[in-house]
Amino acid sequence: MSQSISYADAGVSIDNANLAVAKIREYARSTFNERTLTEIGSFGGMFAGAFPNMSEPILVASADGVGTKLKLAFDTGIHNTVGADLVNHCVNDILVQGARPLFFLDYFATGKLEPEVTASVVEGMARACRENGCVLLGGETAEMPSMYADGEYDLAGFIVGVVDKPKVIDGKSITPGDVVLGIPSTGLQTNGYSLARKLFFEVGGYTPDSYIDELGTTVGEALLATHQSFLPQIGPLLDEVSQADKSVRAPLIKGLVHITGGGFLENIPRILPEGVSVEINRGTWPELPIFGLMQRLGNVDEKEMFRTFNMGIGMIVICSEEKKGVVRRQLGESFEIGVVVEGSKSVAII
């Protein structure tokens, strides 16, 4: 009689998957609101789509990952921060067009499912969703033997938000003389980690546990600094209208730039209209020590640094000189880091 082969014999544990989903369900439920119409485990997540307070609601969607920052999670065994990184990154990506998040979905894939690790990642996502007023509506947890190295996983996120069409931020009104403001970042955010890991671990010979006085922390802790959401600072500025005539919108913000992969040089031009460029004045904000250390470790060219890293600025806000004061009061900590000039959608670091 031939041996009976099960799915578990092929390396996939349905029991572990069920255990992981049970843990995930608790975290996801903590993000639900009155618009959430389904439970975790449904074939599709349902979310009420009526927006009676908007004249022309526009859905804004984005998808992203955490990149090789995941390697730091594997090396340190700290898994409850990369989920928050993922949610906050996606929130910031739709925020630049004036959208607030509605719901988020994730994709988690690994070779051998470890329910506690999976739950830790999802706990970070749920925490960030709650902080951003966003529902963790569903996702996919995939166990695929031989696809990933032991102890490793991949992670991706998908977000949907909404903005009223008259309040879309598209950069079209940016003109020479406008002010470029920078909101500081807490670290590398979620980009540049392939180069950062090479500089610290191959060139510098450090390990994640190496303590560096200049950083005031270990390399692992510095590199795992959470990618923050800028919705709390920027959100209140999205609804500003003319004080003289409430029916006329007088936007305080002309453009927003999330400094992610591509740094300053690749991201700022994405929102510039024809006929303008941006000049960034280096030295107008306190760069985090980690960037100077990396530049020295690899003798990295300045242009490469500004094309790869955020250099201590997580989000850029462009507004008129006239409205700079009220914008900065709302943003809290921010720096005037540059100016819009005539040009051909380029960025110069001065």
Protein backbone atom coordinates (compact mmCIF):
# COMPACT_ATOMS: atom_id res chain seq x y z
CA MET A 1 0.00 0.00 0.00
CA SER A 2 1.49 3.37 -1.00
CA GLN A 3 2.20 6.02 1.63
CA SER A 4 -0.35 8.82 1.99
CA ILE A 5 1.25 12.22 1.37
CA SER A 6 -0.21 15.35 2.97
CA TYR A 7 0.19 19.07 2.32
CA ALA A 8 2.31 19.21 5.50
CA ASP A 9 4.70 16.67 3.94
CA ALA A 10 5.23 19.22 1.15
CA GLY A 11 6.21 21.83 3.72
CA VAL A 12 2.93 23.72 4.09
CA SER A 13 1.20 23.70 7.48
CA ILE A 14 -2.50 24.56 7.35
CA ASP A 15 -2.55 24.39 11.16
CA ASN A 16 0.17 27.06 11.43
CA ALA A 17 -1.69 29.17 8.88
CA ASN A 18 -4.88 28.93 10.94
CA LEU A 19 -2.98 29.88 14.09
CA ALA A 20 -1.45 32.89 12.34
CA VAL A 21 -4.83 34.02 11.00
CA ALA A 22 -6.35 33.76 14.48
CA LYS A 23 -3.68 36.11 15.82
CA ILE A 24 -3.98 38.44 12.82
CA ARG A 25 -7.77 38.67 13.24
CA GLU A 26 -7.38 40.18 16.71
CA TYR A 27 -5.04 42.90 15.49
CA ALA A 28 -7.10 43.67 12.40
CA ARG A 29 -10.33 44.00 14.39
CA SER A 30 -8.69 46.72 16.49
CA THR A 31 -8.58 48.91 13.34
CA PHE A 32 -12.17 48.38 12.20
CA ASN A 33 -14.66 51.24 12.04
CA GLU A 34 -18.30 51.74 11.03
CA ARG A 35 -17.37 51.48 7.34
CA THR A 36 -15.92 47.97 7.73
CA LEU A 37 -18.45 45.44 6.45
CA THR A 38 -16.58 42.13 6.57
CA GLU A 39 -14.48 40.07 8.97
CA ILE A 40 -10.91 38.94 8.37
CA GLY A 41 -11.15 35.62 6.54
CA SER A 42 -13.70 36.70 3.94
CA PHE A 43 -12.78 36.14 0.32
CA GLY A 44 -12.82 39.91 -0.16
CA GLY A 45 -12.81 42.83 2.23
CA MET A 46 -15.86 45.10 2.01
CA PHE A 47 -15.78 48.79 2.87
CA ALA A 48 -18.64 51.30 2.63
CA GLY A 49 -17.95 53.66 -0.27
CA ALA A 50 -20.34 56.58 0.28
CA PHE A 51 -18.75 60.01 0.81
CA PRO A 52 -21.67 62.44 1.34
CA ASN A 53 -19.37 65.25 2.52
CA MET A 54 -17.41 65.28 -0.73
CA SER A 55 -18.51 66.82 -4.03
CA GLU A 56 -16.31 64.60 -6.21
CA PRO A 57 -14.59 61.88 -4.20
CA ILE A 58 -11.43 60.54 -5.85
CA LEU A 59 -9.93 57.24 -4.74
CA VAL A 60 -6.13 57.20 -4.52
CA ALA A 61 -4.31 53.85 -4.37
CA SER A 62 -0.70 52.81 -3.90
CA ALA A 63 1.37 49.68 -3.36
CA ASP A 64 4.84 49.36 -1.90
CA GLY A 65 7.25 47.26 0.09
CA VAL A 66 9.93 47.70 2.74
CA GLY A 67 12.86 46.61 0.57
CA THR A 68 15.99 45.21 2.16
CA LYS A 69 15.16 46.86 5.47
CA LEU A 70 13.59 43.45 6.05
CA LYS A 71 17.12 42.04 6.33
CA LEU A 72 17.57 44.08 9.51
CA ALA A 73 14.44 42.49 10.95
CA PHE A 74 15.81 39.04 10.14
CA ASP A 75 19.23 39.86 11.62
CA THR A 76 17.91 41.40 14.84
CA GLY A 77 14.78 39.31 15.39
CA ILE A 78 12.75 42.53 15.70
CA HIS A 79 9.65 42.15 13.54
CA ASN A 80 7.09 44.58 14.98
CA THR A 81 8.51 47.70 13.31
CA VAL A 82 8.62 46.76 9.61
CA GLY A 83 4.83 46.44 9.51
CA ALA A 84 4.48 50.00 10.78
CA ASP A 85 7.12 51.10 8.25
CA LEU A 86 5.04 49.63 5.46
CA VAL A 87 1.75 51.25 6.48
CA ASN A 88 3.28 54.67 7.12
CA HIS A 89 5.16 54.60 3.82
CA CYS A 90 1.95 53.89 1.94
CA VAL A 91 0.02 56.55 3.89
CA ASN A 92 2.66 59.14 2.98
CA ASP A 93 2.58 58.15 -0.68
CA ILE A 94 -1.12 58.96 -1.06
CA LEU A 95 -0.88 61.94 1.29
CA VAL A 96 1.20 63.84 -1.29
CA GLN A 97 -1.91 64.04 -3.47
CA GLY A 98 -4.05 65.21 -0.57
CA ALA A 99 -5.64 61.84 0.20
CA ARG A 100 -6.41 60.42 3.61
CA PRO A 101 -6.25 56.63 4.05
CA LEU A 102 -9.38 54.47 4.11
CA PHE A 103 -8.11 50.90 4.20
CA PHE A 104 -4.95 48.83 3.88
CA LEU A 105 -4.19 45.28 2.76
CA ASP A 106 -0.96 43.32 3.11
CA TYR A 107 0.86 40.43 1.46
CA PHE A 108 3.12 38.34 3.71
CA ALA A 109 5.03 35.44 2.14
CA THR A 110 7.53 33.07 3.71
CA GLY A 111 9.07 29.65 3.23
CA LYS A 112 8.03 28.23 6.60
CA LEU A 113 5.27 29.99 8.49
CA GLU A 114 6.14 30.97 12.06
CA PRO A 115 2.89 32.27 13.58
CA GLU A 116 4.60 34.43 16.23
CA VAL A 117 6.76 36.22 13.64
CA THR A 118 3.80 36.76 11.34
CA ALA A 119 1.71 38.08 14.23
CA SER A 120 4.50 40.46 15.26
CA VAL A 121 4.67 41.94 11.76
CA VAL A 122 0.88 42.34 11.64
CA GLU A 123 0.84 43.89 15.12
CA GLY A 124 3.05 46.67 13.76
CA MET A 125 0.76 47.14 10.78
CA ALA A 126 -2.34 47.27 12.98
CA ARG A 127 -0.76 49.80 15.31
CA ALA A 128 0.14 52.10 12.41
CA CYS A 129 -3.32 51.67 10.87
CA ARG A 130 -4.97 52.74 14.11
CA GLU A 131 -2.68 55.75 14.39
CA ASN A 132 -3.53 56.80 10.84
CA GLY A 133 -7.29 56.17 11.12
CA CYS A 134 -7.00 53.39 8.55
CA VAL A 135 -8.69 49.98 8.51
CA LEU A 136 -6.59 46.84 8.11
CA LEU A 137 -9.19 45.27 5.84
CA GLY A 138 -7.50 42.02 4.82
CA GLY A 139 -4.49 40.49 3.17
CA GLU A 140 -2.72 37.30 2.18
CA THR A 141 -0.41 35.07 4.22
CA ALA A 142 1.44 32.66 1.93
CA GLU A 143 3.65 29.73 2.93
CA MET A 144 5.87 28.68 0.02
CA PRO A 145 8.57 26.14 0.84
CA SER A 146 11.91 26.61 -0.97
CA MET A 147 10.96 30.11 -2.17
CA TYR A 148 12.61 31.91 0.76
CA ALA A 149 15.62 31.27 2.98
CA ASP A 150 14.91 29.97 6.48
CA GLY A 151 13.74 32.75 8.77
CA GLU A 152 13.06 35.19 5.93
CA TYR A 153 9.86 36.62 4.46
CA ASP A 154 8.64 39.21 2.01
CA LEU A 155 6.16 41.95 2.75
CA ALA A 156 4.07 44.27 0.57
CA GLY A 157 1.23 46.66 1.26
CA PHE A 158 -1.69 48.10 -0.67
CA ILE A 159 -3.56 51.22 0.41
CA VAL A 160 -6.67 53.05 -0.76
CA GLY A 161 -7.49 56.60 0.31
CA VAL A 162 -9.84 59.35 -0.73
CA VAL A 163 -9.64 63.05 -1.57
CA ASP A 164 -12.29 65.47 -2.79
CA LYS A 165 -11.34 66.47 -6.35
CA PRO A 166 -11.18 70.23 -5.59
CA LYS A 167 -8.63 69.43 -2.88
CA VAL A 168 -6.26 67.29 -4.93
CA ILE A 169 -2.64 68.42 -4.55
CA ASP A 170 -0.90 68.10 -7.91
CA GLY A 171 1.86 70.72 -7.96
CA LYS A 172 0.39 72.54 -10.97
CA SER A 173 0.24 75.88 -9.13
CA ILE A 174 3.94 75.85 -8.10
CA THR A 175 5.71 79.00 -9.34
CA PRO A 176 9.15 80.60 -8.98
CA GLY A 177 9.56 82.20 -5.56
CA ASP A 178 7.64 79.50 -3.71
CA VAL A 179 9.23 78.18 -0.54
CA VAL A 180 10.51 74.62 -0.04
CA LEU A 181 10.01 73.36 3.52
CA GLY A 182 11.36 70.12 4.93
CA ILE A 183 9.91 67.96 7.70
CA PRO A 184 12.63 65.94 9.43
CA SER A 185 12.77 62.16 9.22
CA THR A 186 13.58 59.76 12.02
CA GLY A 187 16.08 57.83 9.93
CA LEU A 188 16.46 56.20 6.53
CA GLN A 189 12.69 55.54 6.35
CA THR A 190 12.37 52.57 3.92
CA ASN A 191 14.86 53.28 1.13
CA GLY A 192 18.58 53.06 0.52
CA TYR A 193 19.03 49.96 2.66
CA SER A 194 21.00 47.95 0.12
CA LEU A 195 23.68 50.66 0.09
CA ALA A 196 23.41 51.29 3.85
CA ARG A 197 23.90 47.61 4.66
CA LYS A 198 26.89 47.41 2.33
CA LEU A 199 28.48 50.48 3.95
CA PHE A 200 27.97 49.36 7.54
CA PHE A 201 28.42 45.60 7.30
CA GLU A 202 30.84 45.10 4.39
CA VAL A 203 32.86 48.31 4.26
CA GLY A 204 32.70 49.31 7.94
CA GLY A 205 32.79 45.79 9.35
CA TYR A 206 30.03 46.52 11.85
CA THR A 207 27.30 44.15 13.00
CA PRO A 208 23.72 45.06 13.92
CA ASP A 209 24.76 44.93 17.60
CA SER A 210 27.72 47.32 17.16
CA TYR A 211 27.27 50.43 19.31
CA ILE A 212 28.47 53.66 17.66
CA ASP A 213 28.93 56.73 19.83
CA GLU A 214 28.25 59.07 16.91
CA LEU A 215 24.79 57.50 16.49
CA GLY A 216 24.11 57.11 20.19
CA THR A 217 22.73 53.64 19.54
CA THR A 218 23.52 50.34 17.85
CA VAL A 219 23.68 50.06 14.08
CA GLY A 220 20.64 47.79 14.08
CA GLU A 221 18.54 50.19 16.15
CA ALA A 222 19.55 53.15 13.99
CA LEU A 223 18.69 51.35 10.78
CA LEU A 224 15.37 50.06 12.14
CA ALA A 225 14.14 53.54 13.13
CA THR A 226 10.46 53.58 12.16
CA HIS A 227 9.36 55.30 8.98
CA GLN A 228 6.94 57.85 10.41
CA SER A 229 3.63 59.01 9.02
CA PHE A 230 3.40 62.71 8.20
CA LEU A 231 -0.40 62.71 8.22
CA PRO A 232 -0.65 64.19 11.75
CA GLN A 233 1.36 67.29 10.75
CA ILE A 234 -0.01 67.75 7.24
CA GLY A 235 -3.61 66.55 7.60
CA PRO A 236 -4.99 69.75 9.16
CA LEU A 237 -3.57 71.78 6.26
CA LEU A 238 -5.46 69.80 3.61
CA ASP A 239 -8.84 71.37 4.33
CA GLU A 240 -7.84 75.04 4.53
CA VAL A 241 -10.16 77.43 2.67
CA SER A 242 -10.24 81.15 2.14
CA GLN A 243 -11.19 82.95 5.35
CA ALA A 244 -12.88 85.69 3.30
CA ASP A 245 -15.05 83.33 1.27
CA LYS A 246 -15.57 79.79 2.57
CA SER A 247 -16.75 78.66 -0.87
CA VAL A 248 -13.38 79.49 -2.42
CA ARG A 249 -10.54 77.15 -1.66
CA ALA A 250 -7.23 78.85 -0.99
CA PRO A 251 -4.81 75.95 -0.64
CA LEU A 252 -1.97 76.44 1.78
CA ILE A 253 0.02 73.61 0.22
CA LYS A 254 0.97 73.67 -3.46
CA GLY A 255 3.01 70.48 -3.54
CA LEU A 256 4.16 67.58 -1.37
CA VAL A 257 7.10 65.24 -1.93
CA HIS A 258 7.64 62.00 -0.01
CA ILE A 259 11.41 61.44 -0.01
CA THR A 260 11.64 57.72 -0.73
CA GLY A 261 13.64 55.71 -3.28
CA GLY A 262 15.41 58.21 -5.53
CA GLY A 263 16.02 60.70 -2.74
CA PHE A 264 15.78 64.41 -3.47
CA LEU A 265 16.97 64.26 -7.05
CA GLU A 266 14.43 61.79 -8.41
CA ASN A 267 11.37 62.56 -6.27
CA ILE A 268 11.08 66.36 -6.31
CA PRO A 269 10.78 66.61 -10.15
CA ARG A 270 7.76 64.26 -10.03
CA ILE A 271 5.52 67.09 -8.81
CA LEU A 272 7.04 70.09 -10.63
CA PRO A 273 5.17 71.75 -13.52
CA GLU A 274 6.99 72.84 -16.67
CA GLY A 275 9.18 75.90 -16.35
CA VAL A 276 10.35 75.54 -12.76
CA SER A 277 13.18 73.89 -10.84
CA VAL A 278 14.13 73.64 -7.18
CA GLU A 279 17.28 74.74 -5.40
CA ILE A 280 18.04 72.97 -2.12
CA ASN A 281 20.40 74.70 0.32
CA ARG A 282 22.38 72.04 2.16
CA GLY A 283 23.12 73.03 5.71
CA THR A 284 19.70 74.56 6.35
CA TRP A 285 18.57 71.56 8.37
CA PRO A 286 20.34 69.27 10.88
CA GLU A 287 21.26 66.13 8.95
CA LEU A 288 21.07 63.01 11.08
CA PRO A 289 24.55 61.67 12.00
CA ILE A 290 23.90 58.39 10.22
CA PHE A 291 24.09 60.05 6.79
CA GLY A 292 27.45 61.71 7.36
CA LEU A 293 28.83 58.46 8.77
CA MET A 294 27.72 56.48 5.73
CA GLN A 295 29.13 59.09 3.36
CA ARG A 296 32.54 58.86 5.08
CA LEU A 297 32.50 55.07 5.27
CA GLY A 298 32.15 54.69 1.53
CA ASN A 299 33.50 58.05 0.34
CA VAL A 300 30.08 58.37 -1.28
CA ASP A 301 29.64 61.23 -3.74
CA GLU A 302 27.23 63.96 -2.59
CA LYS A 303 25.02 63.49 -5.65
CA GLU A 304 24.75 59.78 -4.89
CA MET A 305 23.78 60.53 -1.29
CA PHE A 306 20.97 62.87 -2.37
CA ARG A 307 19.79 60.43 -5.03
CA THR A 308 19.67 57.48 -2.61
CA PHE A 309 18.81 58.78 0.87
CA ASN A 310 16.44 61.31 2.45
CA MET A 311 19.38 63.01 4.23
CA GLY A 312 17.22 63.72 7.27
CA ILE A 313 14.21 65.17 5.44
CA GLY A 314 11.21 62.83 5.24
CA MET A 315 8.66 65.03 3.50
CA ILE A 316 8.92 68.24 1.49
CA VAL A 317 6.17 70.86 1.50
CA ILE A 318 6.00 73.59 -1.14
CA CYS A 319 3.95 76.70 -0.43
CA SER A 320 3.94 80.39 -1.25
CA GLU A 321 6.17 82.80 0.66
CA GLU A 322 3.00 84.52 1.85
CA LYS A 323 1.60 81.38 3.50
CA LYS A 324 4.88 80.04 4.84
CA GLY A 325 4.21 81.25 8.40
CA VAL A 326 0.85 79.56 8.90
CA VAL A 327 2.09 76.36 7.26
CA ARG A 328 5.14 76.14 9.50
CA ARG A 329 3.09 76.80 12.63
CA GLN A 330 0.93 73.79 11.81
CA LEU A 331 3.83 71.55 10.80
CA GLY A 332 5.71 72.10 14.03
CA GLU A 333 9.36 71.19 13.53
CA SER A 334 10.26 72.07 9.95
CA PHE A 335 13.02 73.84 8.07
CA GLU A 336 13.13 76.23 5.13
CA ILE A 337 15.48 74.26 2.92
CA GLY A 338 15.12 75.75 -0.55
CA VAL A 339 13.28 77.78 -3.13
CA VAL A 340 11.48 77.27 -6.44
CA VAL A 341 13.21 78.98 -9.39
CA GLU A 342 12.75 79.14 -13.13
CA GLY A 343 14.07 76.02 -14.83
CA SER A 344 13.39 72.67 -16.45
CA LYS A 345 12.12 70.44 -13.58
CA SER A 346 15.58 69.87 -12.14
CA VAL A 347 16.96 69.85 -8.61
CA ALA A 348 20.21 71.54 -7.58
CA ILE A 349 21.92 70.96 -4.22
CA ILE A 350 23.75 74.16 -3.29
